[in-house]
Amino acid sequence: MKRNAFRDFFRTRRVRRHVARHGDRYDYHGIQVTVPASAGIGAASALLRGKYERAEAAMIARHLPAGRPVIELGGSLGVVSALIRSRLDPGMRHVVVEANPDILDICGSNARRGAGTDETELVHAAYFPGGGEATLLLGAEVHANALDDGSGAGRRVSVPAVSLDSLWSRIGRTEGFTLVSDIEGGETALFLQEPAMLDHVGLVIAEMHPDAYRGQGTSEAALLAVARAHGLVEIDRMDDTVVLARSADAALA
């Protein structure tokens, strides 16, 4: 067996033992979430080992304001969404965007945990400012999905495209909202095609994808320079997850 085959064997065994005892329920920073085996062994294994989106979760716990609405790009299984919801004040709006049709029900179920009526909204779409439809390339794991650039292999699905400006309307065009993003390189469009929207954001928690940027002819440094030009400066980082805050707020951090 190759090394990855050994890894997959032990991950699968660990997850099966957990499912036999506890079903599809997992603890994520004190929150009960549901991740069925059909979503892939990788996510369940990471939850059991305490490694699921570890950097993103740490930055959310450290910096997410309870009293500001949130737009989340890339809800995935709704696990991080559930953590975000748990940090928000009652009544605070949370819009979750997820493109993969195969995991929408899972995402919505987890994202709405603890939410009051109409507090958490799930939007089936891909972030892409061009409007119309976008083509999503689905990977073997749920975290390997990305907008199709024509170079990858996998299943392709067409989904509605949505801009940050249109999502902003869903939270009443509130100034100083929080943006959480993990969309596998799709965030390039935010900085390069919708930079004016950054003027309305109070805080950004984003997983950056430097390898994807190189393929798109840009770099993380260039994208962060755009953010700085719109008053958002880096105040914290863990691995590839960065936190950007409005300059006045950063002085208080």
C-alpha atoms as a PDB file:
ATOM      1  CA  MET A   1       0.000   0.000   0.000  1.00  0.00           C
ATOM      2  CA  LYS A   2       1.039   3.566  -0.586  1.00  0.00           C
ATOM      3  CA  ARG A   3       1.226   6.009   2.288  1.00  0.00           C
ATOM      4  CA  ASN A   4      -2.066   7.674   1.309  1.00  0.00           C
ATOM      5  CA  ALA A   5      -3.781   4.301   1.264  1.00  0.00           C
ATOM      6  CA  PHE A   6      -2.607   3.695   4.851  1.00  0.00           C
ATOM      7  CA  ARG A   7      -3.858   7.134   5.832  1.00  0.00           C
ATOM      8  CA  ASP A   8      -7.231   6.558   4.205  1.00  0.00           C
ATOM      9  CA  PHE A   9      -7.554   3.154   5.868  1.00  0.00           C
ATOM     10  CA  PHE A  10      -7.049   4.567   9.359  1.00  0.00           C
ATOM     11  CA  ARG A  11      -9.211   7.627   8.689  1.00  0.00           C
ATOM     12  CA  THR A  12     -12.035   5.414   7.478  1.00  0.00           C
ATOM     13  CA  ARG A  13     -11.738   3.087  10.468  1.00  0.00           C
ATOM     14  CA  ARG A  14     -11.732   6.029  12.895  1.00  0.00           C
ATOM     15  CA  VAL A  15     -14.827   7.550  11.312  1.00  0.00           C
ATOM     16  CA  ARG A  16     -16.697   4.239  11.181  1.00  0.00           C
ATOM     17  CA  ARG A  17     -16.076   3.665  14.877  1.00  0.00           C
ATOM     18  CA  HIS A  18     -17.402   7.126  15.656  1.00  0.00           C
ATOM     19  CA  VAL A  19     -20.489   6.642  13.492  1.00  0.00           C
ATOM     20  CA  ALA A  20     -21.213   3.284  15.159  1.00  0.00           C
ATOM     21  CA  ARG A  21     -21.255   5.002  18.558  1.00  0.00           C
ATOM     22  CA  HIS A  22     -22.567   8.484  17.826  1.00  0.00           C
ATOM     23  CA  GLY A  23     -24.087   8.466  14.362  1.00  0.00           C
ATOM     24  CA  ASP A  24     -23.305  11.398  12.086  1.00  0.00           C
ATOM     25  CA  ARG A  25     -23.049  13.915  14.957  1.00  0.00           C
ATOM     26  CA  TYR A  26     -19.754  15.651  15.743  1.00  0.00           C
ATOM     27  CA  ASP A  27     -18.651  18.254  18.253  1.00  0.00           C
ATOM     28  CA  TYR A  28     -17.171  21.399  16.731  1.00  0.00           C
ATOM     29  CA  HIS A  29     -15.922  23.833  19.345  1.00  0.00           C
ATOM     30  CA  GLY A  30     -18.823  22.957  21.614  1.00  0.00           C
ATOM     31  CA  ILE A  31     -21.445  22.936  18.846  1.00  0.00           C
ATOM     32  CA  GLN A  32     -23.154  19.770  17.645  1.00  0.00           C
ATOM     33  CA  VAL A  33     -23.026  19.453  13.847  1.00  0.00           C
ATOM     34  CA  THR A  34     -24.074  16.702  11.465  1.00  0.00           C
ATOM     35  CA  VAL A  35     -21.768  15.392   8.740  1.00  0.00           C
ATOM     36  CA  PRO A  36     -23.004  12.245   6.974  1.00  0.00           C
ATOM     37  CA  ALA A  37     -20.487   9.794   5.587  1.00  0.00           C
ATOM     38  CA  SER A  38     -21.777  10.609   2.108  1.00  0.00           C
ATOM     39  CA  ALA A  39     -20.039  13.993   2.431  1.00  0.00           C
ATOM     40  CA  GLY A  40     -16.669  12.245   2.457  1.00  0.00           C
ATOM     41  CA  ILE A  41     -14.355  10.747   5.038  1.00  0.00           C
ATOM     42  CA  GLY A  42     -11.954  13.695   5.006  1.00  0.00           C
ATOM     43  CA  ALA A  43     -14.265  16.187   6.700  1.00  0.00           C
ATOM     44  CA  ALA A  44     -15.417  13.716   9.351  1.00  0.00           C
ATOM     45  CA  SER A  45     -11.845  12.669  10.113  1.00  0.00           C
ATOM     46  CA  ALA A  46     -10.739  16.291  10.451  1.00  0.00           C
ATOM     47  CA  LEU A  47     -13.598  16.956  12.872  1.00  0.00           C
ATOM     48  CA  LEU A  48     -12.571  14.001  15.028  1.00  0.00           C
ATOM     49  CA  ARG A  49      -8.958  15.194  15.114  1.00  0.00           C
ATOM     50  CA  GLY A  50      -9.842  18.809  15.881  1.00  0.00           C
ATOM     51  CA  LYS A  51      -8.339  19.975  12.590  1.00  0.00           C
ATOM     52  CA  TYR A  52     -11.430  20.938  10.623  1.00  0.00           C
ATOM     53  CA  GLU A  53     -10.871  24.497   9.303  1.00  0.00           C
ATOM     54  CA  ARG A  54      -8.744  25.056  12.397  1.00  0.00           C
ATOM     55  CA  ALA A  55      -7.289  28.408  11.351  1.00  0.00           C
ATOM     56  CA  GLU A  56     -10.603  29.831  10.198  1.00  0.00           C
ATOM     57  CA  ALA A  57     -12.295  28.745  13.426  1.00  0.00           C
ATOM     58  CA  ALA A  58      -9.545  30.315  15.538  1.00  0.00           C
ATOM     59  CA  MET A  59      -9.815  33.644  13.717  1.00  0.00           C
ATOM     60  CA  ILE A  60     -13.607  33.627  14.031  1.00  0.00           C
ATOM     61  CA  ALA A  61     -13.395  32.933  17.758  1.00  0.00           C
ATOM     62  CA  ARG A  62     -10.838  35.701  18.190  1.00  0.00           C
ATOM     63  CA  HIS A  63     -12.251  38.442  15.987  1.00  0.00           C
ATOM     64  CA  LEU A  64     -15.849  37.964  14.785  1.00  0.00           C
ATOM     65  CA  PRO A  65     -18.022  40.843  16.076  1.00  0.00           C
ATOM     66  CA  ALA A  66     -21.265  39.622  17.639  1.00  0.00           C
ATOM     67  CA  GLY A  67     -23.200  42.725  16.679  1.00  0.00           C
ATOM     68  CA  ARG A  68     -22.584  42.905  12.927  1.00  0.00           C
ATOM     69  CA  PRO A  69     -24.325  40.919  10.160  1.00  0.00           C
ATOM     70  CA  VAL A  70     -22.265  38.349   8.273  1.00  0.00           C
ATOM     71  CA  ILE A  71     -22.028  37.374   4.617  1.00  0.00           C
ATOM     72  CA  GLU A  72     -20.278  34.018   4.278  1.00  0.00           C
ATOM     73  CA  LEU A  73     -18.959  32.920   0.895  1.00  0.00           C
ATOM     74  CA  GLY A  74     -18.468  29.153   0.700  1.00  0.00           C
ATOM     75  CA  GLY A  75     -20.682  27.596   3.360  1.00  0.00           C
ATOM     76  CA  SER A  76     -19.614  24.047   2.457  1.00  0.00           C
ATOM     77  CA  LEU A  77     -21.056  21.640   5.045  1.00  0.00           C
ATOM     78  CA  GLY A  78     -22.262  24.475   7.257  1.00  0.00           C
ATOM     79  CA  VAL A  79     -19.879  23.533  10.057  1.00  0.00           C
ATOM     80  CA  VAL A  80     -18.066  26.875  10.169  1.00  0.00           C
ATOM     81  CA  SER A  81     -21.448  28.520   9.562  1.00  0.00           C
ATOM     82  CA  ALA A  82     -22.733  26.960  12.782  1.00  0.00           C
ATOM     83  CA  LEU A  83     -19.741  28.388  14.648  1.00  0.00           C
ATOM     84  CA  ILE A  84     -20.403  31.832  13.183  1.00  0.00           C
ATOM     85  CA  ARG A  85     -24.079  31.648  14.160  1.00  0.00           C
ATOM     86  CA  SER A  86     -23.122  30.749  17.729  1.00  0.00           C
ATOM     87  CA  ARG A  87     -21.002  33.921  17.986  1.00  0.00           C
ATOM     88  CA  LEU A  88     -23.690  36.311  16.735  1.00  0.00           C
ATOM     89  CA  ASP A  89     -26.190  38.244  18.812  1.00  0.00           C
ATOM     90  CA  PRO A  90     -29.842  37.151  18.584  1.00  0.00           C
ATOM     91  CA  GLY A  91     -31.530  38.756  15.611  1.00  0.00           C
ATOM     92  CA  MET A  92     -28.290  39.331  13.707  1.00  0.00           C
ATOM     93  CA  ARG A  93     -28.477  38.370  10.020  1.00  0.00           C
ATOM     94  CA  HIS A  94     -26.195  35.717   8.524  1.00  0.00           C
ATOM     95  CA  VAL A  95     -26.256  34.994   4.785  1.00  0.00           C
ATOM     96  CA  VAL A  96     -24.525  31.765   3.735  1.00  0.00           C
ATOM     97  CA  VAL A  97     -23.622  31.172   0.078  1.00  0.00           C
ATOM     98  CA  GLU A  98     -22.963  27.623  -1.135  1.00  0.00           C
ATOM     99  CA  ALA A  99     -22.757  26.467  -4.751  1.00  0.00           C
ATOM    100  CA  ASN A 100     -22.539  22.669  -4.500  1.00  0.00           C
ATOM    101  CA  PRO A 101     -26.076  21.275  -4.910  1.00  0.00           C
ATOM    102  CA  ASP A 102     -25.069  17.945  -3.363  1.00  0.00           C
ATOM    103  CA  ILE A 103     -24.476  19.414   0.099  1.00  0.00           C
ATOM    104  CA  LEU A 104     -27.070  22.188   0.315  1.00  0.00           C
ATOM    105  CA  ASP A 105     -29.317  20.329   2.757  1.00  0.00           C
ATOM    106  CA  ILE A 106     -26.387  19.508   5.053  1.00  0.00           C
ATOM    107  CA  CYS A 107     -25.110  23.075   4.863  1.00  0.00           C
ATOM    108  CA  GLY A 108     -28.502  24.550   5.689  1.00  0.00           C
ATOM    109  CA  SER A 109     -29.168  22.177   8.569  1.00  0.00           C
ATOM    110  CA  ASN A 110     -25.874  23.009  10.274  1.00  0.00           C
ATOM    111  CA  ALA A 111     -25.870  26.710   9.411  1.00  0.00           C
ATOM    112  CA  ARG A 112     -29.305  27.248  10.976  1.00  0.00           C
ATOM    113  CA  ARG A 113     -28.399  25.571  14.264  1.00  0.00           C
ATOM    114  CA  GLY A 114     -29.378  27.935  17.044  1.00  0.00           C
ATOM    115  CA  ALA A 115     -30.753  30.512  14.614  1.00  0.00           C
ATOM    116  CA  GLY A 116     -34.049  32.273  15.106  1.00  0.00           C
ATOM    117  CA  THR A 117     -36.614  32.655  12.353  1.00  0.00           C
ATOM    118  CA  ASP A 118     -35.117  34.357   9.275  1.00  0.00           C
ATOM    119  CA  GLU A 119     -31.779  34.995  11.018  1.00  0.00           C
ATOM    120  CA  THR A 120     -29.757  32.641   8.791  1.00  0.00           C
ATOM    121  CA  GLU A 121     -30.380  32.520   5.035  1.00  0.00           C
ATOM    122  CA  LEU A 122     -28.887  29.929   2.685  1.00  0.00           C
ATOM    123  CA  VAL A 123     -28.285  31.091  -0.893  1.00  0.00           C
ATOM    124  CA  HIS A 124     -27.618  28.462  -3.568  1.00  0.00           C
ATOM    125  CA  ALA A 125     -25.141  30.248  -5.816  1.00  0.00           C
ATOM    126  CA  ALA A 126     -21.486  30.721  -6.646  1.00  0.00           C
ATOM    127  CA  TYR A 127     -19.772  34.005  -5.940  1.00  0.00           C
ATOM    128  CA  PHE A 128     -19.053  35.530  -9.335  1.00  0.00           C
ATOM    129  CA  PRO A 129     -19.694  39.236 -10.023  1.00  0.00           C
ATOM    130  CA  GLY A 130     -20.431  38.671 -13.727  1.00  0.00           C
ATOM    131  CA  GLY A 131     -23.992  37.560 -13.016  1.00  0.00           C
ATOM    132  CA  GLY A 132     -25.976  34.946 -14.911  1.00  0.00           C
ATOM    133  CA  GLU A 133     -24.662  31.457 -14.286  1.00  0.00           C
ATOM    134  CA  ALA A 134     -21.301  30.062 -13.248  1.00  0.00           C
ATOM    135  CA  THR A 135     -19.849  26.609 -13.883  1.00  0.00           C
ATOM    136  CA  LEU A 136     -18.635  24.805 -10.788  1.00  0.00           C
ATOM    137  CA  LEU A 137     -16.098  21.982 -10.946  1.00  0.00           C
ATOM    138  CA  LEU A 138     -16.826  19.441  -8.214  1.00  0.00           C
ATOM    139  CA  GLY A 139     -13.821  17.690  -6.716  1.00  0.00           C
ATOM    140  CA  ALA A 140     -13.549  14.329  -4.992  1.00  0.00           C
ATOM    141  CA  GLU A 141     -13.882  16.019  -1.582  1.00  0.00           C
ATOM    142  CA  VAL A 142     -16.403  18.726  -0.711  1.00  0.00           C
ATOM    143  CA  HIS A 143     -13.589  21.198  -0.046  1.00  0.00           C
ATOM    144  CA  ALA A 144     -12.121  20.712  -3.510  1.00  0.00           C
ATOM    145  CA  ASN A 145     -14.860  22.540  -5.407  1.00  0.00           C
ATOM    146  CA  ALA A 146     -14.017  25.643  -7.428  1.00  0.00           C
ATOM    147  CA  LEU A 147     -15.184  27.715 -10.365  1.00  0.00           C
ATOM    148  CA  ASP A 148     -14.292  25.909 -13.574  1.00  0.00           C
ATOM    149  CA  ASP A 149     -11.395  27.451 -15.475  1.00  0.00           C
ATOM    150  CA  GLY A 150     -11.394  24.707 -18.104  1.00  0.00           C
ATOM    151  CA  SER A 151      -8.234  23.010 -16.880  1.00  0.00           C
ATOM    152  CA  GLY A 152      -9.504  20.530 -14.305  1.00  0.00           C
ATOM    153  CA  ALA A 153     -11.205  17.155 -14.411  1.00  0.00           C
ATOM    154  CA  GLY A 154     -14.397  16.318 -12.599  1.00  0.00           C
ATOM    155  CA  ARG A 155     -18.132  16.844 -12.660  1.00  0.00           C
ATOM    156  CA  ARG A 156     -19.324  20.237 -13.845  1.00  0.00           C
ATOM    157  CA  VAL A 157     -22.585  21.849 -12.751  1.00  0.00           C
ATOM    158  CA  SER A 158     -24.133  25.194 -13.646  1.00  0.00           C
ATOM    159  CA  VAL A 159     -25.303  27.302 -10.718  1.00  0.00           C
ATOM    160  CA  PRO A 160     -26.601  30.860 -10.333  1.00  0.00           C
ATOM    161  CA  ALA A 161     -23.868  33.488 -10.027  1.00  0.00           C
ATOM    162  CA  VAL A 162     -24.146  36.137  -7.335  1.00  0.00           C
ATOM    163  CA  SER A 163     -22.202  39.322  -6.621  1.00  0.00           C
ATOM    164  CA  LEU A 164     -21.295  40.688  -3.215  1.00  0.00           C
ATOM    165  CA  ASP A 165     -23.335  43.782  -4.013  1.00  0.00           C
ATOM    166  CA  SER A 166     -26.493  41.701  -4.463  1.00  0.00           C
ATOM    167  CA  LEU A 167     -25.759  39.755  -1.275  1.00  0.00           C
ATOM    168  CA  TRP A 168     -25.303  43.036   0.576  1.00  0.00           C
ATOM    169  CA  SER A 169     -28.929  43.868  -0.257  1.00  0.00           C
ATOM    170  CA  ARG A 170     -29.999  40.744   1.632  1.00  0.00           C
ATOM    171  CA  ILE A 171     -28.678  42.244   4.879  1.00  0.00           C
ATOM    172  CA  GLY A 172     -30.257  45.634   4.267  1.00  0.00           C
ATOM    173  CA  ARG A 173     -27.064  47.185   2.852  1.00  0.00           C
ATOM    174  CA  THR A 174     -25.747  47.525   6.393  1.00  0.00           C
ATOM    175  CA  GLU A 175     -22.410  49.318   6.615  1.00  0.00           C
ATOM    176  CA  GLY A 176     -19.508  47.620   8.381  1.00  0.00           C
ATOM    177  CA  PHE A 177     -20.710  44.049   7.878  1.00  0.00           C
ATOM    178  CA  THR A 178     -18.397  41.067   8.335  1.00  0.00           C
ATOM    179  CA  LEU A 179     -17.301  39.035   5.315  1.00  0.00           C
ATOM    180  CA  VAL A 180     -16.141  35.439   5.818  1.00  0.00           C
ATOM    181  CA  SER A 181     -14.752  33.740   2.726  1.00  0.00           C
ATOM    182  CA  ASP A 182     -13.351  30.355   1.752  1.00  0.00           C
ATOM    183  CA  ILE A 183     -14.017  29.845  -1.955  1.00  0.00           C
ATOM    184  CA  GLU A 184     -10.864  28.164  -3.276  1.00  0.00           C
ATOM    185  CA  GLY A 185      -9.412  31.127  -5.153  1.00  0.00           C
ATOM    186  CA  GLY A 186     -12.720  32.663  -6.221  1.00  0.00           C
ATOM    187  CA  GLU A 187     -12.021  35.548  -3.841  1.00  0.00           C
ATOM    188  CA  THR A 188      -9.768  37.036  -6.514  1.00  0.00           C
ATOM    189  CA  ALA A 189     -12.897  38.453  -8.157  1.00  0.00           C
ATOM    190  CA  LEU A 190     -13.827  40.283  -4.961  1.00  0.00           C
ATOM    191  CA  PHE A 191     -10.578  42.238  -4.891  1.00  0.00           C
ATOM    192  CA  LEU A 192     -10.220  42.765  -8.641  1.00  0.00           C
ATOM    193  CA  GLN A 193     -13.829  43.025  -9.902  1.00  0.00           C
ATOM    194  CA  GLU A 194     -15.788  44.360  -6.906  1.00  0.00           C
ATOM    195  CA  PRO A 195     -13.172  46.368  -4.992  1.00  0.00           C
ATOM    196  CA  ALA A 196     -15.629  49.188  -4.233  1.00  0.00           C
ATOM    197  CA  MET A 197     -17.621  46.732  -2.091  1.00  0.00           C
ATOM    198  CA  LEU A 198     -14.660  46.601   0.288  1.00  0.00           C
ATOM    199  CA  ASP A 199     -15.546  50.148   1.346  1.00  0.00           C
ATOM    200  CA  HIS A 200     -18.663  48.766   3.047  1.00  0.00           C
ATOM    201  CA  VAL A 201     -16.971  45.872   4.878  1.00  0.00           C
ATOM    202  CA  GLY A 202     -15.916  46.247   8.502  1.00  0.00           C
ATOM    203  CA  LEU A 203     -14.023  42.970   8.882  1.00  0.00           C
ATOM    204  CA  VAL A 204     -12.836  40.222   6.533  1.00  0.00           C
ATOM    205  CA  ILE A 205     -11.898  36.700   7.618  1.00  0.00           C
ATOM    206  CA  ALA A 206     -10.692  34.918   4.498  1.00  0.00           C
ATOM    207  CA  GLU A 207      -8.764  31.807   3.638  1.00  0.00           C
ATOM    208  CA  MET A 208      -6.338  32.850   0.927  1.00  0.00           C
ATOM    209  CA  HIS A 209      -5.202  30.536  -1.889  1.00  0.00           C
ATOM    210  CA  PRO A 210      -1.793  31.699  -3.207  1.00  0.00           C
ATOM    211  CA  ASP A 211      -1.381  28.787  -5.623  1.00  0.00           C
ATOM    212  CA  ALA A 212      -4.670  29.657  -7.310  1.00  0.00           C
ATOM    213  CA  TYR A 213      -3.656  33.309  -7.602  1.00  0.00           C
ATOM    214  CA  ARG A 214      -0.519  32.452  -9.518  1.00  0.00           C
ATOM    215  CA  GLY A 215      -2.634  30.657 -12.079  1.00  0.00           C
ATOM    216  CA  GLN A 216      -4.814  33.759 -12.334  1.00  0.00           C
ATOM    217  CA  GLY A 217      -1.896  36.097 -12.945  1.00  0.00           C
ATOM    218  CA  THR A 218      -1.962  37.803  -9.564  1.00  0.00           C
ATOM    219  CA  SER A 219      -0.679  37.280  -6.012  1.00  0.00           C
ATOM    220  CA  GLU A 220      -1.797  37.468  -2.412  1.00  0.00           C
ATOM    221  CA  ALA A 221       0.321  40.592  -1.943  1.00  0.00           C
ATOM    222  CA  ALA A 222      -1.460  42.292  -4.841  1.00  0.00           C
ATOM    223  CA  LEU A 223      -4.899  41.417  -3.468  1.00  0.00           C
ATOM    224  CA  LEU A 224      -4.030  42.641   0.020  1.00  0.00           C
ATOM    225  CA  ALA A 225      -2.743  45.875  -1.518  1.00  0.00           C
ATOM    226  CA  VAL A 226      -6.212  46.389  -3.014  1.00  0.00           C
ATOM    227  CA  ALA A 227      -7.728  45.827   0.425  1.00  0.00           C
ATOM    228  CA  ARG A 228      -5.389  48.404   1.980  1.00  0.00           C
ATOM    229  CA  ALA A 229      -6.359  50.924  -0.688  1.00  0.00           C
ATOM    230  CA  HIS A 230      -9.927  50.529   0.557  1.00  0.00           C
ATOM    231  CA  GLY A 231      -9.029  50.939   4.221  1.00  0.00           C
ATOM    232  CA  LEU A 232      -8.712  47.288   5.251  1.00  0.00           C
ATOM    233  CA  VAL A 233      -5.440  46.242   6.880  1.00  0.00           C
ATOM    234  CA  GLU A 234      -4.206  42.853   8.056  1.00  0.00           C
ATOM    235  CA  ILE A 235      -4.473  42.510  11.836  1.00  0.00           C
ATOM    236  CA  ASP A 236      -4.044  38.761  12.302  1.00  0.00           C
ATOM    237  CA  ARG A 237      -3.187  35.598  10.422  1.00  0.00           C
ATOM    238  CA  MET A 238      -3.046  31.860  10.988  1.00  0.00           C
ATOM    239  CA  ASP A 239      -1.701  29.719   8.172  1.00  0.00           C
ATOM    240  CA  ASP A 240      -3.449  31.009   5.016  1.00  0.00           C
ATOM    241  CA  THR A 241      -6.378  32.566   6.876  1.00  0.00           C
ATOM    242  CA  VAL A 242      -6.103  36.336   7.216  1.00  0.00           C
ATOM    243  CA  VAL A 243      -8.120  38.896   9.156  1.00  0.00           C
ATOM    244  CA  LEU A 244      -8.527  42.346   7.647  1.00  0.00           C
ATOM    245  CA  ALA A 245     -10.057  45.192   9.631  1.00  0.00           C
ATOM    246  CA  ARG A 246     -10.968  48.765   8.850  1.00  0.00           C
ATOM    247  CA  SER A 247      -8.031  51.004   9.737  1.00  0.00           C
ATOM    248  CA  ALA A 248      -9.807  52.773  12.618  1.00  0.00           C
ATOM    249  CA  ASP A 249     -10.859  49.432  14.125  1.00  0.00           C
ATOM    250  CA  ALA A 250      -7.393  47.958  13.599  1.00  0.00           C
ATOM    251  CA  ALA A 251      -5.906  50.622  15.852  1.00  0.00           C
ATOM    252  CA  LEU A 252      -8.093  49.272  18.665  1.00  0.00           C
ATOM    253  CA  ALA A 253      -7.342  45.584  18.024  1.00  0.00           C
END
